[in-house]
C-alpha cells in the first residue's frame, strides 16, 4: 500500500483532472474521468492519498462539462490537487 505518490503519478492525475474539467460536455469528459477513477481504484494507494484521490474524483465529476457555477466547482478540484501535492515523494 502506497502512502505517498510520485511526481509522475501526480502529473498524470493532474492532467486527467484538468482535461476532465475543461471538457465541453460530460460525454467528452467521460474518457478522462474513467482513467482517473481507474487510477484511484487500482493503484494501491492507502491512507490520506487514497482519500484525497477519491475526493478529487468526486470534485472532478461535479465540475466536468458545462455545469452551473463552474468556477466554484473548479475551485474544489484545485483544492484537492493542492492537498494531494503534499504527498509527493521527494
PDB file of N, CA and C in Angstrom:
ATOM      1  N   UNK A   1       0.836  -1.181   0.000  1.00  0.00           N
ATOM      2  CA  UNK A   1       0.000   0.000   0.000  1.00  0.00           C
ATOM      3  C   UNK A   1       0.885   1.251   0.000  1.00  0.00           C
ATOM      4  N   UNK A   2       0.531   2.163  -0.863  1.00  0.00           N
ATOM      5  CA  UNK A   2       1.320   3.376  -1.023  1.00  0.00           C
ATOM      6  C   UNK A   2       0.726   4.533  -0.216  1.00  0.00           C
ATOM      7  N   UNK A   3       1.551   5.129   0.630  1.00  0.00           N
ATOM      8  CA  UNK A   3       1.136   6.287   1.410  1.00  0.00           C
ATOM      9  C   UNK A   3       1.656   7.582   0.791  1.00  0.00           C
ATOM     10  N   UNK A   4       2.445   7.464  -0.260  1.00  0.00           N
ATOM     11  CA  UNK A   4       2.991   8.609  -0.993  1.00  0.00           C
ATOM     12  C   UNK A   4       2.699   8.416  -2.471  1.00  0.00           C
ATOM     13  N   UNK A   5       2.931   9.476  -3.235  1.00  0.00           N
ATOM     14  CA  UNK A   5       2.697   9.440  -4.671  1.00  0.00           C
ATOM     15  C   UNK A   5       3.922  10.034  -5.356  1.00  0.00           C
ATOM     16  N   UNK A   6       4.296   9.498  -6.502  1.00  0.00           N
ATOM     17  CA  UNK A   6       5.454  10.036  -7.220  1.00  0.00           C
ATOM     18  C   UNK A   6       5.042  11.274  -8.006  1.00  0.00           C
ATOM     19  N   UNK A   7       6.026  12.047  -8.394  1.00  0.00           N
ATOM     20  CA  UNK A   7       5.757  13.253  -9.187  1.00  0.00           C
ATOM     21  C   UNK A   7       5.101  12.874 -10.515  1.00  0.00           C
ATOM     22  N   UNK A   8       5.555  11.796 -11.125  1.00  0.00           N
ATOM     23  CA  UNK A   8       4.992  11.345 -12.403  1.00  0.00           C
ATOM     24  C   UNK A   8       3.523  10.967 -12.241  1.00  0.00           C
ATOM     25  N   UNK A   9       3.198  10.251 -11.172  1.00  0.00           N
ATOM     26  CA  UNK A   9       1.803   9.878 -10.920  1.00  0.00           C
ATOM     27  C   UNK A   9       0.950  11.114 -10.667  1.00  0.00           C
ATOM     28  N   UNK A  10       1.494  12.048  -9.893  1.00  0.00           N
ATOM     29  CA  UNK A  10       0.765  13.289  -9.637  1.00  0.00           C
ATOM     30  C   UNK A  10       0.499  14.043 -10.936  1.00  0.00           C
ATOM     31  N   UNK A  11       1.516  14.146 -11.780  1.00  0.00           N
ATOM     32  CA  UNK A  11       1.365  14.856 -13.053  1.00  0.00           C
ATOM     33  C   UNK A  11       0.267  14.218 -13.911  1.00  0.00           C
ATOM     34  N   UNK A  12       0.225  12.895 -13.945  1.00  0.00           N
ATOM     35  CA  UNK A  12      -0.806  12.176 -14.715  1.00  0.00           C
ATOM     36  C   UNK A  12      -2.188  12.467 -14.150  1.00  0.00           C
ATOM     37  N   UNK A  13      -2.326  12.391 -12.830  1.00  0.00           N
ATOM     38  CA  UNK A  13      -3.613  12.659 -12.177  1.00  0.00           C
ATOM     39  C   UNK A  13      -4.051  14.094 -12.424  1.00  0.00           C
ATOM     40  N   UNK A  14      -3.121  15.031 -12.286  1.00  0.00           N
ATOM     41  CA  UNK A  14      -3.439  16.441 -12.521  1.00  0.00           C
ATOM     42  C   UNK A  14      -3.878  16.668 -13.961  1.00  0.00           C
ATOM     43  N   UNK A  15      -3.166  16.065 -14.906  1.00  0.00           N
ATOM     44  CA  UNK A  15      -3.512  16.208 -16.321  1.00  0.00           C
ATOM     45  C   UNK A  15      -4.925  15.686 -16.592  1.00  0.00           C
ATOM     46  N   UNK A  16      -5.232  14.498 -16.080  1.00  0.00           N
ATOM     47  CA  UNK A  16      -6.565  13.926 -16.287  1.00  0.00           C
ATOM     48  C   UNK A  16      -7.644  14.787 -15.647  1.00  0.00           C
ATOM     49  N   UNK A  17      -7.373  15.303 -14.451  1.00  0.00           N
ATOM     50  CA  UNK A  17      -8.354  16.158 -13.770  1.00  0.00           C
ATOM     51  C   UNK A  17      -8.613  17.430 -14.577  1.00  0.00           C
ATOM     52  N   UNK A  18      -7.561  18.058 -15.056  1.00  0.00           N
ATOM     53  CA  UNK A  18      -7.724  19.302 -15.826  1.00  0.00           C
ATOM     54  C   UNK A  18      -8.413  19.048 -17.168  1.00  0.00           C
ATOM     55  N   UNK A  19      -8.093  17.942 -17.818  1.00  0.00           N
ATOM     56  CA  UNK A  19      -8.755  17.609 -19.083  1.00  0.00           C
ATOM     57  C   UNK A  19     -10.243  17.349 -18.863  1.00  0.00           C
ATOM     58  N   UNK A  20     -10.569  16.676 -17.774  1.00  0.00           N
ATOM     59  CA  UNK A  20     -11.966  16.378 -17.471  1.00  0.00           C
ATOM     60  C   UNK A  20     -12.744  17.663 -17.216  1.00  0.00           C
ATOM     61  N   UNK A  21     -12.173  18.537 -16.411  1.00  0.00           N
ATOM     62  CA  UNK A  21     -12.859  19.786 -16.060  1.00  0.00           C
ATOM     63  C   UNK A  21     -13.004  20.700 -17.265  1.00  0.00           C
ATOM     64  N   UNK A  22     -12.021  20.704 -18.150  1.00  0.00           N
ATOM     65  CA  UNK A  22     -12.071  21.612 -19.298  1.00  0.00           C
ATOM     66  C   UNK A  22     -12.860  21.052 -20.482  1.00  0.00           C
ATOM     67  N   UNK A  23     -13.313  19.818 -20.380  1.00  0.00           N
ATOM     68  CA  UNK A  23     -14.096  19.226 -21.474  1.00  0.00           C
ATOM     69  C   UNK A  23     -15.398  19.997 -21.661  1.00  0.00           C
ATOM     70  N   UNK A  24     -15.837  20.046 -22.911  1.00  0.00           N
ATOM     71  CA  UNK A  24     -17.030  20.815 -23.253  1.00  0.00           C
ATOM     72  C   UNK A  24     -18.307  20.206 -22.670  1.00  0.00           C
ATOM     73  N   UNK A  25     -18.377  18.894 -22.662  1.00  0.00           N
ATOM     74  CA  UNK A  25     -19.576  18.223 -22.155  1.00  0.00           C
ATOM     75  C   UNK A  25     -19.176  17.047 -21.270  1.00  0.00           C
ATOM     76  N   UNK A  26     -20.124  16.540 -20.535  1.00  0.00           N
ATOM     77  CA  UNK A  26     -19.859  15.369 -19.690  1.00  0.00           C
ATOM     78  C   UNK A  26     -19.465  14.172 -20.553  1.00  0.00           C
ATOM     79  N   UNK A  27     -20.047  14.072 -21.735  1.00  0.00           N
ATOM     80  CA  UNK A  27     -19.703  12.980 -22.645  1.00  0.00           C
ATOM     81  C   UNK A  27     -18.243  13.077 -23.062  1.00  0.00           C
ATOM     82  N   UNK A  28     -17.779  14.283 -23.368  1.00  0.00           N
ATOM     83  CA  UNK A  28     -16.377  14.484 -23.736  1.00  0.00           C
ATOM     84  C   UNK A  28     -15.446  14.236 -22.551  1.00  0.00           C
ATOM     85  N   UNK A  29     -15.921  14.499 -21.355  1.00  0.00           N
ATOM     86  CA  UNK A  29     -15.111  14.340 -20.146  1.00  0.00           C
ATOM     87  C   UNK A  29     -15.021  12.890 -19.682  1.00  0.00           C
ATOM     88  N   UNK A  30     -15.956  12.064 -20.094  1.00  0.00           N
ATOM     89  CA  UNK A  30     -16.046  10.700 -19.573  1.00  0.00           C
ATOM     90  C   UNK A  30     -14.768   9.862 -19.744  1.00  0.00           C
ATOM     91  N   UNK A  31     -14.078   9.879 -20.896  1.00  0.00           N
ATOM     92  CA  UNK A  31     -12.852   9.065 -21.006  1.00  0.00           C
ATOM     93  C   UNK A  31     -11.779   9.458 -19.982  1.00  0.00           C
ATOM     94  N   UNK A  32     -11.624  10.754 -19.744  1.00  0.00           N
ATOM     95  CA  UNK A  32     -10.636  11.221 -18.770  1.00  0.00           C
ATOM     96  C   UNK A  32     -11.047  10.819 -17.358  1.00  0.00           C
ATOM     97  N   UNK A  33     -12.318  10.984 -17.062  1.00  0.00           N
ATOM     98  CA  UNK A  33     -12.831  10.630 -15.738  1.00  0.00           C
ATOM     99  C   UNK A  33     -12.691   9.133 -15.486  1.00  0.00           C
ATOM    100  N   UNK A  34     -12.952   8.336 -16.495  1.00  0.00           N
ATOM    101  CA  UNK A  34     -12.809   6.886 -16.362  1.00  0.00           C
ATOM    102  C   UNK A  34     -11.358   6.516 -16.039  1.00  0.00           C
ATOM    103  N   UNK A  35     -10.406   7.139 -16.714  1.00  0.00           N
ATOM    104  CA  UNK A  35      -8.993   6.874 -16.432  1.00  0.00           C
ATOM    105  C   UNK A  35      -8.613   7.308 -15.023  1.00  0.00           C
ATOM    106  N   UNK A  36      -9.114   8.458 -14.608  1.00  0.00           N
ATOM    107  CA  UNK A  36      -8.826   8.967 -13.269  1.00  0.00           C
ATOM    108  C   UNK A  36      -9.386   8.028 -12.201  1.00  0.00           C
ATOM    109  N   UNK A  37     -10.598   7.562 -12.396  1.00  0.00           N
ATOM    110  CA  UNK A  37     -11.203   6.639 -11.438  1.00  0.00           C
ATOM    111  C   UNK A  37     -10.474   5.300 -11.431  1.00  0.00           C
ATOM    112  N   UNK A  38      -9.981   4.851 -12.585  1.00  0.00           N
ATOM    113  CA  UNK A  38      -9.205   3.621 -12.640  1.00  0.00           C
ATOM    114  C   UNK A  38      -7.932   3.757 -11.811  1.00  0.00           C
ATOM    115  N   UNK A  39      -7.248   4.876 -11.959  1.00  0.00           N
ATOM    116  CA  UNK A  39      -6.036   5.121 -11.171  1.00  0.00           C
ATOM    117  C   UNK A  39      -6.370   5.128  -9.681  1.00  0.00           C
ATOM    118  N   UNK A  40      -7.452   5.778  -9.317  1.00  0.00           N
ATOM    119  CA  UNK A  40      -7.843   5.862  -7.912  1.00  0.00           C
ATOM    120  C   UNK A  40      -8.143   4.488  -7.324  1.00  0.00           C
ATOM    121  N   UNK A  41      -8.753   3.620  -8.115  1.00  0.00           N
ATOM    122  CA  UNK A  41      -9.200   2.329  -7.588  1.00  0.00           C
ATOM    123  C   UNK A  41      -8.188   1.205  -7.716  1.00  0.00           C
ATOM    124  N   UNK A  42      -7.220   1.331  -8.592  1.00  0.00           N
ATOM    125  CA  UNK A  42      -6.351   0.186  -8.853  1.00  0.00           C
ATOM    126  C   UNK A  42      -4.873   0.412  -8.565  1.00  0.00           C
ATOM    127  N   UNK A  43      -4.506   1.566  -8.081  1.00  0.00           N
ATOM    128  CA  UNK A  43      -3.079   1.859  -7.911  1.00  0.00           C
ATOM    129  C   UNK A  43      -2.530   1.485  -6.540  1.00  0.00           C
ATOM    130  N   UNK A  44      -3.353   0.999  -5.650  1.00  0.00           N
ATOM    131  CA  UNK A  44      -2.871   0.552  -4.360  1.00  0.00           C
ATOM    132  C   UNK A  44      -2.534   1.660  -3.384  1.00  0.00           C
ATOM    133  N   UNK A  45      -3.138   2.819  -3.553  1.00  0.00           N
ATOM    134  CA  UNK A  45      -2.907   3.908  -2.610  1.00  0.00           C
ATOM    135  C   UNK A  45      -3.641   3.624  -1.305  1.00  0.00           C
ATOM    136  N   UNK A  46      -3.092   4.145  -0.212  1.00  0.00           N
ATOM    137  CA  UNK A  46      -3.694   3.932   1.098  1.00  0.00           C
ATOM    138  C   UNK A  46      -3.716   5.246   1.876  1.00  0.00           C
ATOM    139  N   UNK A  47      -4.440   5.237   2.949  1.00  0.00           N
ATOM    140  CA  UNK A  47      -4.462   6.382   3.859  1.00  0.00           C
ATOM    141  C   UNK A  47      -4.978   7.645   3.218  1.00  0.00           C
ATOM    142  N   UNK A  48      -4.318   8.727   3.558  1.00  0.00           N
ATOM    143  CA  UNK A  48      -4.744  10.047   3.086  1.00  0.00           C
ATOM    144  C   UNK A  48      -4.689  10.186   1.581  1.00  0.00           C
ATOM    145  N   UNK A  49      -3.696   9.570   0.956  1.00  0.00           N
ATOM    146  CA  UNK A  49      -3.568   9.662  -0.509  1.00  0.00           C
ATOM    147  C   UNK A  49      -4.818   9.090  -1.168  1.00  0.00           C
ATOM    148  N   UNK A  50      -5.253   7.928  -0.704  1.00  0.00           N
ATOM    149  CA  UNK A  50      -6.456   7.304  -1.264  1.00  0.00           C
ATOM    150  C   UNK A  50      -7.692   8.180  -1.047  1.00  0.00           C
ATOM    151  N   UNK A  51      -7.819   8.735   0.154  1.00  0.00           N
ATOM    152  CA  UNK A  51      -8.969   9.598   0.456  1.00  0.00           C
ATOM    153  C   UNK A  51      -8.978  10.846  -0.415  1.00  0.00           C
ATOM    154  N   UNK A  52      -7.832  11.466  -0.574  1.00  0.00           N
ATOM    155  CA  UNK A  52      -7.757  12.696  -1.378  1.00  0.00           C
ATOM    156  C   UNK A  52      -8.053  12.407  -2.840  1.00  0.00           C
ATOM    157  N   UNK A  53      -7.527  11.306  -3.373  1.00  0.00           N
ATOM    158  CA  UNK A  53      -7.803  10.969  -4.769  1.00  0.00           C
ATOM    159  C   UNK A  53      -9.289  10.664  -4.950  1.00  0.00           C
ATOM    160  N   UNK A  54      -9.912  10.031  -3.987  1.00  0.00           N
ATOM    161  CA  UNK A  54     -11.355   9.765  -4.064  1.00  0.00           C
ATOM    162  C   UNK A  54     -12.145  11.066  -4.043  1.00  0.00           C
ATOM    163  N   UNK A  55     -11.751  11.993  -3.159  1.00  0.00           N
ATOM    164  CA  UNK A  55     -12.401  13.309  -3.121  1.00  0.00           C
ATOM    165  C   UNK A  55     -12.203  14.042  -4.444  1.00  0.00           C
ATOM    166  N   UNK A  56     -10.994  13.938  -4.992  1.00  0.00           N
ATOM    167  CA  UNK A  56     -10.689  14.578  -6.264  1.00  0.00           C
ATOM    168  C   UNK A  56     -11.599  14.042  -7.371  1.00  0.00           C
ATOM    169  N   UNK A  57     -11.794  12.733  -7.396  1.00  0.00           N
ATOM    170  CA  UNK A  57     -12.680  12.145  -8.414  1.00  0.00           C
ATOM    171  C   UNK A  57     -14.088  12.721  -8.301  1.00  0.00           C
ATOM    172  N   UNK A  58     -14.588  12.858  -7.085  1.00  0.00           N
ATOM    173  CA  UNK A  58     -15.911  13.440  -6.888  1.00  0.00           C
ATOM    174  C   UNK A  58     -15.967  14.894  -7.317  1.00  0.00           C
ATOM    175  N   UNK A  59     -14.953  15.653  -6.963  1.00  0.00           N
ATOM    176  CA  UNK A  59     -14.907  17.069  -7.345  1.00  0.00           C
ATOM    177  C   UNK A  59     -14.822  17.230  -8.861  1.00  0.00           C
ATOM    178  N   UNK A  60     -14.016  16.395  -9.486  1.00  0.00           N
ATOM    179  CA  UNK A  60     -13.859  16.450 -10.940  1.00  0.00           C
ATOM    180  C   UNK A  60     -15.170  16.076 -11.621  1.00  0.00           C
ATOM    181  N   UNK A  61     -15.829  15.048 -11.120  1.00  0.00           N
ATOM    182  CA  UNK A  61     -17.117  14.627 -11.689  1.00  0.00           C
ATOM    183  C   UNK A  61     -18.129  15.772 -11.622  1.00  0.00           C
ATOM    184  N   UNK A  62     -18.151  16.500 -10.503  1.00  0.00           N
ATOM    185  CA  UNK A  62     -19.092  17.617 -10.348  1.00  0.00           C
ATOM    186  C   UNK A  62     -18.761  18.788 -11.268  1.00  0.00           C
ATOM    187  N   UNK A  63     -17.482  18.993 -11.572  1.00  0.00           N
ATOM    188  CA  UNK A  63     -17.070  20.148 -12.377  1.00  0.00           C
ATOM    189  C   UNK A  63     -16.959  19.836 -13.859  1.00  0.00           C
ATOM    190  N   UNK A  64     -17.156  18.586 -14.245  1.00  0.00           N
ATOM    191  CA  UNK A  64     -16.966  18.184 -15.640  1.00  0.00           C
ATOM    192  C   UNK A  64     -18.056  18.723 -16.544  1.00  0.00           C
ATOM    193  N   UNK A  65     -17.648  19.115 -17.741  1.00  0.00           N
ATOM    194  CA  UNK A  65     -18.608  19.559 -18.750  1.00  0.00           C
ATOM    195  C   UNK A  65     -19.150  20.948 -18.477  1.00  0.00           C
ATOM    196  N   UNK A  66     -20.271  21.239 -19.114  1.00  0.00           N
ATOM    197  CA  UNK A  66     -20.927  22.536 -18.947  1.00  0.00           C
ATOM    198  C   UNK A  66     -21.876  22.456 -17.763  1.00  0.00           C
ATOM    199  N   UNK A  67     -21.455  23.018 -16.645  1.00  0.00           N
ATOM    200  CA  UNK A  67     -22.260  22.972 -15.424  1.00  0.00           C
ATOM    201  C   UNK A  67     -22.433  24.373 -14.867  1.00  0.00           C
ATOM    202  N   UNK A  68     -23.476  24.539 -14.076  1.00  0.00           N
ATOM    203  CA  UNK A  68     -23.701  25.812 -13.404  1.00  0.00           C
ATOM    204  C   UNK A  68     -22.640  25.997 -12.326  1.00  0.00           C
ATOM    205  N   UNK A  69     -22.236  27.228 -12.105  1.00  0.00           N
ATOM    206  CA  UNK A  69     -21.262  27.577 -11.069  1.00  0.00           C
ATOM    207  C   UNK A  69     -19.932  26.845 -11.269  1.00  0.00           C
ATOM    208  N   UNK A  70     -19.473  26.827 -12.506  1.00  0.00           N
ATOM    209  CA  UNK A  70     -18.256  26.114 -12.900  1.00  0.00           C
ATOM    210  C   UNK A  70     -17.039  26.583 -12.097  1.00  0.00           C
ATOM    211  N   UNK A  71     -16.911  27.875 -11.862  1.00  0.00           N
ATOM    212  CA  UNK A  71     -15.722  28.378 -11.173  1.00  0.00           C
ATOM    213  C   UNK A  71     -15.649  27.884  -9.732  1.00  0.00           C
ATOM    214  N   UNK A  72     -16.755  27.803  -9.044  1.00  0.00           N
ATOM    215  CA  UNK A  72     -16.773  27.299  -7.666  1.00  0.00           C
ATOM    216  C   UNK A  72     -16.415  25.818  -7.634  1.00  0.00           C
ATOM    217  N   UNK A  73     -16.957  25.067  -8.569  1.00  0.00           N
ATOM    218  CA  UNK A  73     -16.681  23.628  -8.620  1.00  0.00           C
ATOM    219  C   UNK A  73     -15.232  23.357  -9.017  1.00  0.00           C
ATOM    220  N   UNK A  74     -14.696  24.175  -9.894  1.00  0.00           N
ATOM    221  CA  UNK A  74     -13.290  24.046 -10.283  1.00  0.00           C
ATOM    222  C   UNK A  74     -12.377  24.376  -9.106  1.00  0.00           C
ATOM    223  N   UNK A  75     -12.793  25.297  -8.263  1.00  0.00           N
ATOM    224  CA  UNK A  75     -12.022  25.649  -7.070  1.00  0.00           C
ATOM    225  C   UNK A  75     -11.817  24.416  -6.181  1.00  0.00           C
ATOM    226  N   UNK A  76     -12.854  23.588  -6.014  1.00  0.00           N
ATOM    227  CA  UNK A  76     -12.733  22.388  -5.197  1.00  0.00           C
ATOM    228  C   UNK A  76     -11.748  21.391  -5.813  1.00  0.00           C
ATOM    229  N   UNK A  77     -11.723  21.312  -7.130  1.00  0.00           N
ATOM    230  CA  UNK A  77     -10.744  20.458  -7.814  1.00  0.00           C
ATOM    231  C   UNK A  77      -9.333  20.957  -7.500  1.00  0.00           C
ATOM    232  N   UNK A  78      -9.134  22.263  -7.595  1.00  0.00           N
ATOM    233  CA  UNK A  78      -7.818  22.847  -7.316  1.00  0.00           C
ATOM    234  C   UNK A  78      -7.399  22.595  -5.868  1.00  0.00           C
ATOM    235  N   UNK A  79      -8.328  22.668  -4.944  1.00  0.00           N
ATOM    236  CA  UNK A  79      -8.023  22.410  -3.533  1.00  0.00           C
ATOM    237  C   UNK A  79      -7.604  20.956  -3.329  1.00  0.00           C
ATOM    238  N   UNK A  80      -8.308  20.031  -3.967  1.00  0.00           N
ATOM    239  CA  UNK A  80      -7.942  18.616  -3.844  1.00  0.00           C
ATOM    240  C   UNK A  80      -6.566  18.347  -4.451  1.00  0.00           C
ATOM    241  N   UNK A  81      -6.257  18.980  -5.569  1.00  0.00           N
ATOM    242  CA  UNK A  81      -4.930  18.824  -6.171  1.00  0.00           C
ATOM    243  C   UNK A  81      -3.848  19.388  -5.252  1.00  0.00           C
ATOM    244  N   UNK A  82      -4.131  20.508  -4.605  1.00  0.00           N
ATOM    245  CA  UNK A  82      -3.164  21.099  -3.673  1.00  0.00           C
ATOM    246  C   UNK A  82      -2.929  20.176  -2.477  1.00  0.00           C
ATOM    247  N   UNK A  83      -3.990  19.550  -1.974  1.00  0.00           N
ATOM    248  CA  UNK A  83      -3.841  18.603  -0.860  1.00  0.00           C
ATOM    249  C   UNK A  83      -2.997  17.406  -1.292  1.00  0.00           C
ATOM    250  N   UNK A  84      -3.229  16.910  -2.491  1.00  0.00           N
ATOM    251  CA  UNK A  84      -2.502  15.746  -2.987  1.00  0.00           C
ATOM    252  C   UNK A  84      -1.026  16.065  -3.185  1.00  0.00           C
ATOM    253  N   UNK A  85      -0.733  17.296  -3.549  1.00  0.00           N
ATOM    254  CA  UNK A  85       0.647  17.704  -3.793  1.00  0.00           C
ATOM    255  C   UNK A  85       1.521  17.535  -2.541  1.00  0.00           C
ATOM    256  N   UNK A  86       0.899  17.629  -1.369  1.00  0.00           N
ATOM    257  CA  UNK A  86       1.647  17.471  -0.112  1.00  0.00           C
ATOM    258  C   UNK A  86       2.160  16.043   0.086  1.00  0.00           C
ATOM    259  N   UNK A  87       1.662  15.090  -0.672  1.00  0.00           N
ATOM    260  CA  UNK A  87       2.046  13.692  -0.504  1.00  0.00           C
ATOM    261  C   UNK A  87       2.988  13.176  -1.591  1.00  0.00           C
ATOM    262  N   UNK A  88       3.572  14.089  -2.363  1.00  0.00           N
ATOM    263  CA  UNK A  88       4.532  13.683  -3.399  1.00  0.00           C
ATOM    264  C   UNK A  88       5.837  13.283  -2.733  1.00  0.00           C
ATOM    265  N   UNK A  89       6.374  12.138  -3.149  1.00  0.00           N
ATOM    266  CA  UNK A  89       7.661  11.666  -2.642  1.00  0.00           C
ATOM    267  C   UNK A  89       8.765  12.606  -3.094  1.00  0.00           C
ATOM    268  N   UNK A  90       9.731  12.779  -2.230  1.00  0.00           N
ATOM    269  CA  UNK A  90      10.876  13.613  -2.604  1.00  0.00           C
ATOM    270  C   UNK A  90      12.103  12.785  -2.795  1.00  0.00           C
TER     271      UNK A  90
END
